[in-house]
């Protein structure tokens, strides 16, 4: 998934470092939701975070006794979450987290963007 996203934004081919740390297994239904979340969040990083300079996008997924933590972060410029909170992409993210995974999320947007998503299966 990350490779495909990277190829679609090839203008950053060598400028964006992708870091992954995934140690989890889950049912296919929930993995589709997680894939949609990762797609939306990583695409947002490519589109908005770096403004032409080098950067890093990290995707981490950990599982401990059916408790999952997904972290998607970049070291880009960050954004005003309150201002952007109502856009369609963030509404999709919120719906996937709260309605499909019955999880919670935390967003850090000062000097970077970091999403911390927690859910239990």
PDB file of N, CA and C in Angstrom:
ATOM      1  N   UNK A   1       0.825  -1.195   0.000  1.00  0.00           N
ATOM      2  CA  UNK A   1       0.000   0.000   0.000  1.00  0.00           C
ATOM      3  C   UNK A   1       0.866   1.255   0.000  1.00  0.00           C
ATOM      4  N   UNK A   2       1.838   1.305   0.894  1.00  0.00           N
ATOM      5  CA  UNK A   2       2.698   2.488   0.970  1.00  0.00           C
ATOM      6  C   UNK A   2       3.522   2.666  -0.293  1.00  0.00           C
ATOM      7  N   UNK A   3       3.973   1.573  -0.863  1.00  0.00           N
ATOM      8  CA  UNK A   3       4.735   1.636  -2.109  1.00  0.00           C
ATOM      9  C   UNK A   3       3.877   2.210  -3.236  1.00  0.00           C
ATOM     10  N   UNK A   4       2.623   1.763  -3.319  1.00  0.00           N
ATOM     11  CA  UNK A   4       1.723   2.275  -4.347  1.00  0.00           C
ATOM     12  C   UNK A   4       1.452   3.767  -4.164  1.00  0.00           C
ATOM     13  N   UNK A   5       1.246   4.187  -2.948  1.00  0.00           N
ATOM     14  CA  UNK A   5       1.018   5.617  -2.682  1.00  0.00           C
ATOM     15  C   UNK A   5       2.262   6.410  -3.069  1.00  0.00           C
ATOM     16  N   UNK A   6       3.429   5.916  -2.689  1.00  0.00           N
ATOM     17  CA  UNK A   6       4.684   6.590  -3.013  1.00  0.00           C
ATOM     18  C   UNK A   6       4.853   6.739  -4.520  1.00  0.00           C
ATOM     19  N   UNK A   7       4.553   5.692  -5.264  1.00  0.00           N
ATOM     20  CA  UNK A   7       4.674   5.755  -6.726  1.00  0.00           C
ATOM     21  C   UNK A   7       3.727   6.774  -7.332  1.00  0.00           C
ATOM     22  N   UNK A   8       2.544   6.941  -6.746  1.00  0.00           N
ATOM     23  CA  UNK A   8       1.597   7.901  -7.298  1.00  0.00           C
ATOM     24  C   UNK A   8       2.000   9.350  -7.027  1.00  0.00           C
ATOM     25  N   UNK A   9       2.908   9.546  -6.078  1.00  0.00           N
ATOM     26  CA  UNK A   9       3.436  10.879  -5.787  1.00  0.00           C
ATOM     27  C   UNK A   9       4.922  10.908  -6.118  1.00  0.00           C
ATOM     28  N   UNK A  10       5.285  10.406  -7.297  1.00  0.00           N
ATOM     29  CA  UNK A  10       6.688  10.206  -7.639  1.00  0.00           C
ATOM     30  C   UNK A  10       7.517  11.477  -7.719  1.00  0.00           C
ATOM     31  N   UNK A  11       6.899  12.644  -7.677  1.00  0.00           N
ATOM     32  CA  UNK A  11       7.703  13.872  -7.673  1.00  0.00           C
ATOM     33  C   UNK A  11       8.550  13.970  -6.401  1.00  0.00           C
ATOM     34  N   UNK A  12       8.184  13.187  -5.387  1.00  0.00           N
ATOM     35  CA  UNK A  12       8.932  13.163  -4.137  1.00  0.00           C
ATOM     36  C   UNK A  12       9.788  11.903  -4.015  1.00  0.00           C
ATOM     37  N   UNK A  13      10.018  11.241  -5.115  1.00  0.00           N
ATOM     38  CA  UNK A  13      10.593   9.893  -5.115  1.00  0.00           C
ATOM     39  C   UNK A  13      11.705   9.678  -4.088  1.00  0.00           C
ATOM     40  N   UNK A  14      12.686  10.549  -4.045  1.00  0.00           N
ATOM     41  CA  UNK A  14      13.786  10.368  -3.109  1.00  0.00           C
ATOM     42  C   UNK A  14      13.685  11.309  -1.909  1.00  0.00           C
ATOM     43  N   UNK A  15      12.692  12.154  -1.901  1.00  0.00           N
ATOM     44  CA  UNK A  15      12.607  13.168  -0.859  1.00  0.00           C
ATOM     45  C   UNK A  15      11.868  12.693   0.390  1.00  0.00           C
ATOM     46  N   UNK A  16      10.999  11.703   0.252  1.00  0.00           N
ATOM     47  CA  UNK A  16      10.195  11.255   1.380  1.00  0.00           C
ATOM     48  C   UNK A  16      10.654   9.861   1.789  1.00  0.00           C
ATOM     49  N   UNK A  17      11.071   9.735   3.029  1.00  0.00           N
ATOM     50  CA  UNK A  17      11.463   8.439   3.581  1.00  0.00           C
ATOM     51  C   UNK A  17      10.233   7.805   4.223  1.00  0.00           C
ATOM     52  N   UNK A  18       9.950   6.557   3.869  1.00  0.00           N
ATOM     53  CA  UNK A  18       8.851   5.822   4.479  1.00  0.00           C
ATOM     54  C   UNK A  18       9.414   4.861   5.513  1.00  0.00           C
ATOM     55  N   UNK A  19       8.858   4.909   6.719  1.00  0.00           N
ATOM     56  CA  UNK A  19       9.299   4.053   7.809  1.00  0.00           C
ATOM     57  C   UNK A  19       8.096   3.243   8.262  1.00  0.00           C
ATOM     58  N   UNK A  20       8.263   1.932   8.374  1.00  0.00           N
ATOM     59  CA  UNK A  20       7.168   1.095   8.855  1.00  0.00           C
ATOM     60  C   UNK A  20       7.635   0.251  10.032  1.00  0.00           C
ATOM     61  N   UNK A  21       6.719   0.031  10.946  1.00  0.00           N
ATOM     62  CA  UNK A  21       6.960  -0.830  12.097  1.00  0.00           C
ATOM     63  C   UNK A  21       5.615  -1.468  12.423  1.00  0.00           C
ATOM     64  N   UNK A  22       5.373  -2.643  11.838  1.00  0.00           N
ATOM     65  CA  UNK A  22       4.069  -3.290  11.954  1.00  0.00           C
ATOM     66  C   UNK A  22       4.241  -4.656  12.595  1.00  0.00           C
ATOM     67  N   UNK A  23       3.558  -4.835  13.719  1.00  0.00           N
ATOM     68  CA  UNK A  23       3.585  -6.103  14.450  1.00  0.00           C
ATOM     69  C   UNK A  23       2.171  -6.398  14.927  1.00  0.00           C
ATOM     70  N   UNK A  24       1.326  -6.873  13.993  1.00  0.00           N
ATOM     71  CA  UNK A  24      -0.067  -7.133  14.351  1.00  0.00           C
ATOM     72  C   UNK A  24      -0.703  -8.031  13.306  1.00  0.00           C
ATOM     73  N   UNK A  25      -1.689  -8.767  13.748  1.00  0.00           N
ATOM     74  CA  UNK A  25      -2.565  -9.506  12.848  1.00  0.00           C
ATOM     75  C   UNK A  25      -3.992  -9.195  13.250  1.00  0.00           C
ATOM     76  N   UNK A  26      -4.887  -9.228  12.261  1.00  0.00           N
ATOM     77  CA  UNK A  26      -6.296  -8.945  12.548  1.00  0.00           C
ATOM     78  C   UNK A  26      -7.155  -9.535  11.447  1.00  0.00           C
ATOM     79  N   UNK A  27      -8.453  -9.648  11.703  1.00  0.00           N
ATOM     80  CA  UNK A  27      -9.367 -10.153  10.679  1.00  0.00           C
ATOM     81  C   UNK A  27      -9.375  -9.248   9.441  1.00  0.00           C
ATOM     82  N   UNK A  28      -9.706  -9.832   8.298  1.00  0.00           N
ATOM     83  CA  UNK A  28      -9.652  -9.115   7.027  1.00  0.00           C
ATOM     84  C   UNK A  28     -10.557  -7.878   7.023  1.00  0.00           C
ATOM     85  N   UNK A  29     -11.753  -7.981   7.592  1.00  0.00           N
ATOM     86  CA  UNK A  29     -12.684  -6.845   7.606  1.00  0.00           C
ATOM     87  C   UNK A  29     -12.038  -5.627   8.258  1.00  0.00           C
ATOM     88  N   UNK A  30     -11.469  -5.796   9.425  1.00  0.00           N
ATOM     89  CA  UNK A  30     -10.849  -4.684  10.133  1.00  0.00           C
ATOM     90  C   UNK A  30      -9.566  -4.223   9.437  1.00  0.00           C
ATOM     91  N   UNK A  31      -8.851  -5.157   8.813  1.00  0.00           N
ATOM     92  CA  UNK A  31      -7.628  -4.765   8.107  1.00  0.00           C
ATOM     93  C   UNK A  31      -7.948  -3.865   6.912  1.00  0.00           C
ATOM     94  N   UNK A  32      -9.108  -4.056   6.312  1.00  0.00           N
ATOM     95  CA  UNK A  32      -9.529  -3.166   5.222  1.00  0.00           C
ATOM     96  C   UNK A  32      -9.747  -1.755   5.760  1.00  0.00           C
ATOM     97  N   UNK A  33     -10.404  -1.633   6.909  1.00  0.00           N
ATOM     98  CA  UNK A  33     -10.606  -0.310   7.517  1.00  0.00           C
ATOM     99  C   UNK A  33      -9.272   0.348   7.850  1.00  0.00           C
ATOM    100  N   UNK A  34      -8.361  -0.428   8.403  1.00  0.00           N
ATOM    101  CA  UNK A  34      -7.035   0.112   8.747  1.00  0.00           C
ATOM    102  C   UNK A  34      -6.306   0.544   7.475  1.00  0.00           C
ATOM    103  N   UNK A  35      -6.415  -0.254   6.419  1.00  0.00           N
ATOM    104  CA  UNK A  35      -5.800   0.121   5.144  1.00  0.00           C
ATOM    105  C   UNK A  35      -6.364   1.415   4.596  1.00  0.00           C
ATOM    106  N   UNK A  36      -7.675   1.600   4.702  1.00  0.00           N
ATOM    107  CA  UNK A  36      -8.292   2.859   4.263  1.00  0.00           C
ATOM    108  C   UNK A  36      -7.777   4.036   5.082  1.00  0.00           C
ATOM    109  N   UNK A  37      -7.653   3.841   6.395  1.00  0.00           N
ATOM    110  CA  UNK A  37      -7.111   4.902   7.256  1.00  0.00           C
ATOM    111  C   UNK A  37      -5.683   5.258   6.845  1.00  0.00           C
ATOM    112  N   UNK A  38      -4.853   4.241   6.695  1.00  0.00           N
ATOM    113  CA  UNK A  38      -3.461   4.483   6.321  1.00  0.00           C
ATOM    114  C   UNK A  38      -3.401   5.200   4.976  1.00  0.00           C
ATOM    115  N   UNK A  39      -4.198   4.747   4.015  1.00  0.00           N
ATOM    116  CA  UNK A  39      -4.216   5.384   2.698  1.00  0.00           C
ATOM    117  C   UNK A  39      -4.549   6.867   2.813  1.00  0.00           C
ATOM    118  N   UNK A  40      -5.588   7.195   3.531  1.00  0.00           N
ATOM    119  CA  UNK A  40      -6.016   8.591   3.661  1.00  0.00           C
ATOM    120  C   UNK A  40      -4.969   9.441   4.388  1.00  0.00           C
ATOM    121  N   UNK A  41      -4.430   8.931   5.483  1.00  0.00           N
ATOM    122  CA  UNK A  41      -3.478   9.704   6.280  1.00  0.00           C
ATOM    123  C   UNK A  41      -2.145   9.887   5.560  1.00  0.00           C
ATOM    124  N   UNK A  42      -1.641   8.842   4.927  1.00  0.00           N
ATOM    125  CA  UNK A  42      -0.359   8.947   4.226  1.00  0.00           C
ATOM    126  C   UNK A  42      -0.509   9.837   2.986  1.00  0.00           C
ATOM    127  N   UNK A  43      -1.616   9.693   2.277  1.00  0.00           N
ATOM    128  CA  UNK A  43      -1.864  10.562   1.123  1.00  0.00           C
ATOM    129  C   UNK A  43      -1.910  12.023   1.558  1.00  0.00           C
ATOM    130  N   UNK A  44      -2.564  12.303   2.678  1.00  0.00           N
ATOM    131  CA  UNK A  44      -2.594  13.675   3.196  1.00  0.00           C
ATOM    132  C   UNK A  44      -1.187  14.187   3.479  1.00  0.00           C
ATOM    133  N   UNK A  45      -0.330  13.336   4.022  1.00  0.00           N
ATOM    134  CA  UNK A  45       1.049  13.756   4.286  1.00  0.00           C
ATOM    135  C   UNK A  45       1.758  14.122   2.984  1.00  0.00           C
ATOM    136  N   UNK A  46       1.650  13.270   1.992  1.00  0.00           N
ATOM    137  CA  UNK A  46       2.288  13.569   0.710  1.00  0.00           C
ATOM    138  C   UNK A  46       1.764  14.870   0.117  1.00  0.00           C
ATOM    139  N   UNK A  47       0.464  15.095   0.208  1.00  0.00           N
ATOM    140  CA  UNK A  47      -0.139  16.275  -0.401  1.00  0.00           C
ATOM    141  C   UNK A  47       0.191  17.571   0.329  1.00  0.00           C
ATOM    142  N   UNK A  48       0.251  17.523   1.673  1.00  0.00           N
ATOM    143  CA  UNK A  48       0.241  18.772   2.430  1.00  0.00           C
ATOM    144  C   UNK A  48       1.435  19.022   3.355  1.00  0.00           C
ATOM    145  N   UNK A  49       2.185  18.007   3.726  1.00  0.00           N
ATOM    146  CA  UNK A  49       3.128  18.162   4.831  1.00  0.00           C
ATOM    147  C   UNK A  49       4.453  18.815   4.457  1.00  0.00           C
ATOM    148  N   UNK A  50       4.935  18.597   3.253  1.00  0.00           N
ATOM    149  CA  UNK A  50       6.341  18.900   3.012  1.00  0.00           C
ATOM    150  C   UNK A  50       6.605  20.091   2.110  1.00  0.00           C
ATOM    151  N   UNK A  51       5.679  20.473   1.297  1.00  0.00           N
ATOM    152  CA  UNK A  51       5.836  21.647   0.427  1.00  0.00           C
ATOM    153  C   UNK A  51       7.163  21.620  -0.326  1.00  0.00           C
ATOM    154  N   UNK A  52       7.503  20.444  -0.872  1.00  0.00           N
ATOM    155  CA  UNK A  52       8.680  20.343  -1.720  1.00  0.00           C
ATOM    156  C   UNK A  52       9.985  20.036  -1.014  1.00  0.00           C
ATOM    157  N   UNK A  53      10.014  19.947   0.301  1.00  0.00           N
ATOM    158  CA  UNK A  53      11.272  19.611   0.966  1.00  0.00           C
ATOM    159  C   UNK A  53      11.246  18.157   1.449  1.00  0.00           C
ATOM    160  N   UNK A  54      12.399  17.663   1.830  1.00  0.00           N
ATOM    161  CA  UNK A  54      12.517  16.274   2.269  1.00  0.00           C
ATOM    162  C   UNK A  54      11.763  16.050   3.570  1.00  0.00           C
ATOM    163  N   UNK A  55      11.376  14.805   3.771  1.00  0.00           N
ATOM    164  CA  UNK A  55      10.650  14.504   4.988  1.00  0.00           C
ATOM    165  C   UNK A  55      10.552  13.014   5.228  1.00  0.00           C
ATOM    166  N   UNK A  56       9.793  12.671   6.279  1.00  0.00           N
ATOM    167  CA  UNK A  56       9.636  11.294   6.701  1.00  0.00           C
ATOM    168  C   UNK A  56       8.165  11.059   7.047  1.00  0.00           C
ATOM    169  N   UNK A  57       7.666   9.894   6.613  1.00  0.00           N
ATOM    170  CA  UNK A  57       6.332   9.436   6.992  1.00  0.00           C
ATOM    171  C   UNK A  57       6.520   8.072   7.651  1.00  0.00           C
ATOM    172  N   UNK A  58       5.951   7.908   8.836  1.00  0.00           N
ATOM    173  CA  UNK A  58       6.068   6.648   9.561  1.00  0.00           C
ATOM    174  C   UNK A  58       4.682   6.066   9.815  1.00  0.00           C
ATOM    175  N   UNK A  59       4.590   4.753   9.643  1.00  0.00           N
ATOM    176  CA  UNK A  59       3.368   4.021   9.942  1.00  0.00           C
ATOM    177  C   UNK A  59       3.743   2.910  10.913  1.00  0.00           C
ATOM    178  N   UNK A  60       3.101   2.921  12.080  1.00  0.00           N
ATOM    179  CA  UNK A  60       3.376   1.920  13.109  1.00  0.00           C
ATOM    180  C   UNK A  60       2.056   1.295  13.534  1.00  0.00           C
ATOM    181  N   UNK A  61       2.052  -0.019  13.635  1.00  0.00           N
ATOM    182  CA  UNK A  61       0.862  -0.725  14.100  1.00  0.00           C
ATOM    183  C   UNK A  61       1.308  -1.789  15.082  1.00  0.00           C
ATOM    184  N   UNK A  62       0.795  -1.698  16.291  1.00  0.00           N
ATOM    185  CA  UNK A  62       1.143  -2.646  17.356  1.00  0.00           C
ATOM    186  C   UNK A  62      -0.125  -3.302  17.890  1.00  0.00           C
ATOM    187  N   UNK A  63       0.017  -4.553  18.283  1.00  0.00           N
ATOM    188  CA  UNK A  63      -1.078  -5.301  18.878  1.00  0.00           C
ATOM    189  C   UNK A  63      -0.614  -5.901  20.197  1.00  0.00           C
ATOM    190  N   UNK A  64      -1.454  -5.755  21.204  1.00  0.00           N
ATOM    191  CA  UNK A  64      -1.179  -6.402  22.481  1.00  0.00           C
ATOM    192  C   UNK A  64      -2.508  -6.921  23.011  1.00  0.00           C
ATOM    193  N   UNK A  65      -2.677  -8.237  22.982  1.00  0.00           N
ATOM    194  CA  UNK A  65      -3.888  -8.886  23.483  1.00  0.00           C
ATOM    195  C   UNK A  65      -5.157  -8.273  22.895  1.00  0.00           C
ATOM    196  N   UNK A  66      -5.191  -8.167  21.584  1.00  0.00           N
ATOM    197  CA  UNK A  66      -6.329  -7.645  20.811  1.00  0.00           C
ATOM    198  C   UNK A  66      -6.565  -6.145  20.987  1.00  0.00           C
ATOM    199  N   UNK A  67      -5.637  -5.443  21.629  1.00  0.00           N
ATOM    200  CA  UNK A  67      -5.662  -3.983  21.708  1.00  0.00           C
ATOM    201  C   UNK A  67      -4.656  -3.474  20.680  1.00  0.00           C
ATOM    202  N   UNK A  68      -5.108  -2.604  19.793  1.00  0.00           N
ATOM    203  CA  UNK A  68      -4.285  -2.132  18.686  1.00  0.00           C
ATOM    204  C   UNK A  68      -4.011  -0.647  18.817  1.00  0.00           C
ATOM    205  N   UNK A  69      -2.818  -0.262  18.418  1.00  0.00           N
ATOM    206  CA  UNK A  69      -2.454   1.141  18.321  1.00  0.00           C
ATOM    207  C   UNK A  69      -1.849   1.358  16.945  1.00  0.00           C
ATOM    208  N   UNK A  70      -2.463   2.237  16.178  1.00  0.00           N
ATOM    209  CA  UNK A  70      -1.971   2.641  14.870  1.00  0.00           C
ATOM    210  C   UNK A  70      -1.476   4.075  14.992  1.00  0.00           C
ATOM    211  N   UNK A  71      -0.234   4.298  14.602  1.00  0.00           N
ATOM    212  CA  UNK A  71       0.324   5.649  14.597  1.00  0.00           C
ATOM    213  C   UNK A  71       0.778   5.947  13.173  1.00  0.00           C
ATOM    214  N   UNK A  72       0.280   7.047  12.635  1.00  0.00           N
ATOM    215  CA  UNK A  72       0.725   7.538  11.338  1.00  0.00           C
ATOM    216  C   UNK A  72       1.198   8.960  11.582  1.00  0.00           C
ATOM    217  N   UNK A  73       2.471   9.199  11.263  1.00  0.00           N
ATOM    218  CA  UNK A  73       3.030  10.528  11.545  1.00  0.00           C
ATOM    219  C   UNK A  73       3.979  10.951  10.446  1.00  0.00           C
ATOM    220  N   UNK A  74       4.148  12.265  10.335  1.00  0.00           N
ATOM    221  CA  UNK A  74       5.148  12.813   9.435  1.00  0.00           C
ATOM    222  C   UNK A  74       5.870  13.942  10.157  1.00  0.00           C
ATOM    223  N   UNK A  75       7.004  14.333   9.629  1.00  0.00           N
ATOM    224  CA  UNK A  75       7.750  15.438  10.236  1.00  0.00           C
ATOM    225  C   UNK A  75       7.618  16.701   9.405  1.00  0.00           C
ATOM    226  N   UNK A  76       6.450  16.866   8.814  1.00  0.00           N
ATOM    227  CA  UNK A  76       6.170  18.039   7.999  1.00  0.00           C
ATOM    228  C   UNK A  76       5.797  19.254   8.834  1.00  0.00           C
ATOM    229  N   UNK A  77       5.060  20.155   8.207  1.00  0.00           N
ATOM    230  CA  UNK A  77       4.787  21.460   8.806  1.00  0.00           C
ATOM    231  C   UNK A  77       3.635  21.470   9.798  1.00  0.00           C
ATOM    232  N   UNK A  78       2.856  20.401   9.885  1.00  0.00           N
ATOM    233  CA  UNK A  78       1.703  20.409  10.773  1.00  0.00           C
ATOM    234  C   UNK A  78       0.579  21.242  10.171  1.00  0.00           C
ATOM    235  N   UNK A  79      -0.541  21.331  10.874  1.00  0.00           N
ATOM    236  CA  UNK A  79      -1.665  22.135  10.401  1.00  0.00           C
ATOM    237  C   UNK A  79      -2.586  22.436  11.566  1.00  0.00           C
ATOM    238  N   UNK A  80      -3.494  23.364  11.359  1.00  0.00           N
ATOM    239  CA  UNK A  80      -4.475  23.728  12.375  1.00  0.00           C
ATOM    240  C   UNK A  80      -5.628  22.731  12.308  1.00  0.00           C
ATOM    241  N   UNK A  81      -5.653  21.783  13.215  1.00  0.00           N
ATOM    242  CA  UNK A  81      -6.648  20.713  13.195  1.00  0.00           C
ATOM    243  C   UNK A  81      -8.062  21.268  13.316  1.00  0.00           C
ATOM    244  N   UNK A  82      -8.278  22.249  14.165  1.00  0.00           N
ATOM    245  CA  UNK A  82      -9.616  22.803  14.351  1.00  0.00           C
ATOM    246  C   UNK A  82     -10.159  23.391  13.053  1.00  0.00           C
ATOM    247  N   UNK A  83      -9.283  24.009  12.280  1.00  0.00           N
ATOM    248  CA  UNK A  83      -9.677  24.632  11.017  1.00  0.00           C
ATOM    249  C   UNK A  83      -9.994  23.582   9.949  1.00  0.00           C
ATOM    250  N   UNK A  84      -9.211  22.514   9.887  1.00  0.00           N
ATOM    251  CA  UNK A  84      -9.360  21.492   8.852  1.00  0.00           C
ATOM    252  C   UNK A  84     -10.297  20.359   9.279  1.00  0.00           C
ATOM    253  N   UNK A  85     -10.724  20.349  10.522  1.00  0.00           N
ATOM    254  CA  UNK A  85     -11.476  19.234  11.111  1.00  0.00           C
ATOM    255  C   UNK A  85     -12.735  18.876  10.314  1.00  0.00           C
ATOM    256  N   UNK A  86     -13.293  19.798   9.593  1.00  0.00           N
ATOM    257  CA  UNK A  86     -14.552  19.551   8.910  1.00  0.00           C
ATOM    258  C   UNK A  86     -14.392  19.094   7.464  1.00  0.00           C
ATOM    259  N   UNK A  87     -13.156  18.883   6.970  1.00  0.00           N
ATOM    260  CA  UNK A  87     -13.026  18.467   5.577  1.00  0.00           C
ATOM    261  C   UNK A  87     -13.422  17.005   5.399  1.00  0.00           C
ATOM    262  N   UNK A  88     -13.715  16.626   4.161  1.00  0.00           N
ATOM    263  CA  UNK A  88     -14.246  15.306   3.869  1.00  0.00           C
ATOM    264  C   UNK A  88     -13.297  14.186   4.280  1.00  0.00           C
ATOM    265  N   UNK A  89     -12.000  14.354   4.038  1.00  0.00           N
ATOM    266  CA  UNK A  89     -11.022  13.329   4.399  1.00  0.00           C
ATOM    267  C   UNK A  89     -11.011  13.050   5.892  1.00  0.00           C
ATOM    268  N   UNK A  90     -11.025  14.095   6.702  1.00  0.00           N
ATOM    269  CA  UNK A  90     -11.021  13.894   8.152  1.00  0.00           C
ATOM    270  C   UNK A  90     -12.350  13.332   8.653  1.00  0.00           C
ATOM    271  N   UNK A  91     -13.441  13.657   7.982  1.00  0.00           N
ATOM    272  CA  UNK A  91     -14.725  13.050   8.347  1.00  0.00           C
ATOM    273  C   UNK A  91     -14.702  11.555   8.058  1.00  0.00           C
ATOM    274  N   UNK A  92     -14.103  11.163   6.925  1.00  0.00           N
ATOM    275  CA  UNK A  92     -13.961   9.742   6.600  1.00  0.00           C
ATOM    276  C   UNK A  92     -13.122   9.033   7.658  1.00  0.00           C
ATOM    277  N   UNK A  93     -12.006   9.642   8.024  1.00  0.00           N
ATOM    278  CA  UNK A  93     -11.125   9.070   9.048  1.00  0.00           C
ATOM    279  C   UNK A  93     -11.882   8.893  10.362  1.00  0.00           C
ATOM    280  N   UNK A  94     -12.584   9.925  10.775  1.00  0.00           N
ATOM    281  CA  UNK A  94     -13.336   9.870  12.025  1.00  0.00           C
ATOM    282  C   UNK A  94     -14.405   8.774  11.987  1.00  0.00           C
ATOM    283  N   UNK A  95     -15.103   8.648  10.869  1.00  0.00           N
ATOM    284  CA  UNK A  95     -16.139   7.626  10.732  1.00  0.00           C
ATOM    285  C   UNK A  95     -15.543   6.224  10.800  1.00  0.00           C
ATOM    286  N   UNK A  96     -14.431   6.006  10.112  1.00  0.00           N
ATOM    287  CA  UNK A  96     -13.788   4.696  10.151  1.00  0.00           C
ATOM    288  C   UNK A  96     -13.356   4.333  11.575  1.00  0.00           C
ATOM    289  N   UNK A  97     -12.756   5.294  12.263  1.00  0.00           N
ATOM    290  CA  UNK A  97     -12.260   5.027  13.613  1.00  0.00           C
ATOM    291  C   UNK A  97     -13.406   4.780  14.587  1.00  0.00           C
ATOM    292  N   UNK A  98     -14.355   5.690  14.612  1.00  0.00           N
ATOM    293  CA  UNK A  98     -15.395   5.620  15.634  1.00  0.00           C
ATOM    294  C   UNK A  98     -16.489   4.609  15.311  1.00  0.00           C
ATOM    295  N   UNK A  99     -16.937   4.544  14.057  1.00  0.00           N
ATOM    296  CA  UNK A  99     -18.076   3.691  13.725  1.00  0.00           C
ATOM    297  C   UNK A  99     -17.674   2.279  13.319  1.00  0.00           C
ATOM    298  N   UNK A 100     -16.591   2.143  12.559  1.00  0.00           N
ATOM    299  CA  UNK A 100     -16.217   0.819  12.062  1.00  0.00           C
ATOM    300  C   UNK A 100     -15.313   0.072  13.042  1.00  0.00           C
ATOM    301  N   UNK A 101     -14.337   0.761  13.623  1.00  0.00           N
ATOM    302  CA  UNK A 101     -13.404   0.115  14.549  1.00  0.00           C
ATOM    303  C   UNK A 101     -13.775   0.338  16.005  1.00  0.00           C
ATOM    304  N   UNK A 102     -14.761   1.214  16.263  1.00  0.00           N
ATOM    305  CA  UNK A 102     -15.171   1.575  17.622  1.00  0.00           C
ATOM    306  C   UNK A 102     -13.964   1.990  18.453  1.00  0.00           C
ATOM    307  N   UNK A 103     -13.134   2.832  17.845  1.00  0.00           N
ATOM    308  CA  UNK A 103     -11.903   3.260  18.492  1.00  0.00           C
ATOM    309  C   UNK A 103     -11.900   4.732  18.842  1.00  0.00           C
ATOM    310  N   UNK A 104     -10.743   5.182  19.287  1.00  0.00           N
ATOM    311  CA  UNK A 104     -10.527   6.579  19.631  1.00  0.00           C
ATOM    312  C   UNK A 104      -9.322   7.079  18.857  1.00  0.00           C
ATOM    313  N   UNK A 105      -9.210   8.391  18.753  1.00  0.00           N
ATOM    314  CA  UNK A 105      -8.055   8.960  18.073  1.00  0.00           C
ATOM    315  C   UNK A 105      -7.608  10.236  18.746  1.00  0.00           C
ATOM    316  N   UNK A 106      -6.338  10.478  18.594  1.00  0.00           N
ATOM    317  CA  UNK A 106      -5.694  11.683  19.124  1.00  0.00           C
ATOM    318  C   UNK A 106      -4.870  12.247  17.983  1.00  0.00           C
ATOM    319  N   UNK A 107      -4.874  13.572  17.856  1.00  0.00           N
ATOM    320  CA  UNK A 107      -4.136  14.217  16.774  1.00  0.00           C
ATOM    321  C   UNK A 107      -3.198  15.260  17.356  1.00  0.00           C
ATOM    322  N   UNK A 108      -1.928  15.188  16.965  1.00  0.00           N
ATOM    323  CA  UNK A 108      -0.922  16.185  17.336  1.00  0.00           C
ATOM    324  C   UNK A 108      -0.513  16.873  16.042  1.00  0.00           C
ATOM    325  N   UNK A 109      -0.640  18.195  15.982  1.00  0.00           N
ATOM    326  CA  UNK A 109      -0.368  18.884  14.718  1.00  0.00           C
ATOM    327  C   UNK A 109       0.607  20.053  14.840  1.00  0.00           C
ATOM    328  N   UNK A 110       1.270  20.149  15.947  1.00  0.00           N
ATOM    329  CA  UNK A 110       2.217  21.255  16.121  1.00  0.00           C
ATOM    330  C   UNK A 110       3.609  20.811  15.669  1.00  0.00           C
ATOM    331  N   UNK A 111       4.138  21.428  14.634  1.00  0.00           N
ATOM    332  CA  UNK A 111       5.469  21.154  14.077  1.00  0.00           C
ATOM    333  C   UNK A 111       5.590  19.768  13.454  1.00  0.00           C
ATOM    334  N   UNK A 112       4.501  19.074  13.279  1.00  0.00           N
ATOM    335  CA  UNK A 112       4.443  17.752  12.654  1.00  0.00           C
ATOM    336  C   UNK A 112       2.979  17.383  12.598  1.00  0.00           C
ATOM    337  N   UNK A 113       2.667  16.224  12.062  1.00  0.00           N
ATOM    338  CA  UNK A 113       1.319  15.696  12.173  1.00  0.00           C
ATOM    339  C   UNK A 113       1.439  14.258  12.635  1.00  0.00           C
ATOM    340  N   UNK A 114       0.697  13.928  13.679  1.00  0.00           N
ATOM    341  CA  UNK A 114       0.753  12.588  14.244  1.00  0.00           C
ATOM    342  C   UNK A 114      -0.654  12.175  14.657  1.00  0.00           C
ATOM    343  N   UNK A 115      -1.109  11.053  14.098  1.00  0.00           N
ATOM    344  CA  UNK A 115      -2.391  10.474  14.451  1.00  0.00           C
ATOM    345  C   UNK A 115      -2.127   9.234  15.280  1.00  0.00           C
ATOM    346  N   UNK A 116      -2.783   9.141  16.421  1.00  0.00           N
ATOM    347  CA  UNK A 116      -2.695   7.963  17.292  1.00  0.00           C
ATOM    348  C   UNK A 116      -4.107   7.404  17.390  1.00  0.00           C
ATOM    349  N   UNK A 117      -4.283   6.208  16.869  1.00  0.00           N
ATOM    350  CA  UNK A 117      -5.595   5.579  16.791  1.00  0.00           C
ATOM    351  C   UNK A 117      -5.544   4.297  17.615  1.00  0.00           C
ATOM    352  N   UNK A 118      -6.510   4.160  18.519  1.00  0.00           N
ATOM    353  CA  UNK A 118      -6.556   2.971  19.379  1.00  0.00           C
ATOM    354  C   UNK A 118      -7.915   2.288  19.224  1.00  0.00           C
ATOM    355  N   UNK A 119      -7.860   0.959  19.129  1.00  0.00           N
ATOM    356  CA  UNK A 119      -9.098   0.192  19.046  1.00  0.00           C
ATOM    357  C   UNK A 119      -8.842  -1.224  19.551  1.00  0.00           C
ATOM    358  N   UNK A 120      -9.932  -1.897  19.920  1.00  0.00           N
ATOM    359  CA  UNK A 120      -9.876  -3.264  20.438  1.00  0.00           C
ATOM    360  C   UNK A 120     -10.778  -4.134  19.588  1.00  0.00           C
ATOM    361  N   UNK A 121     -10.296  -5.326  19.257  1.00  0.00           N
ATOM    362  CA  UNK A 121     -11.104  -6.275  18.486  1.00  0.00           C
ATOM    363  C   UNK A 121     -11.436  -7.481  19.349  1.00  0.00           C
TER     364      UNK A 121
END
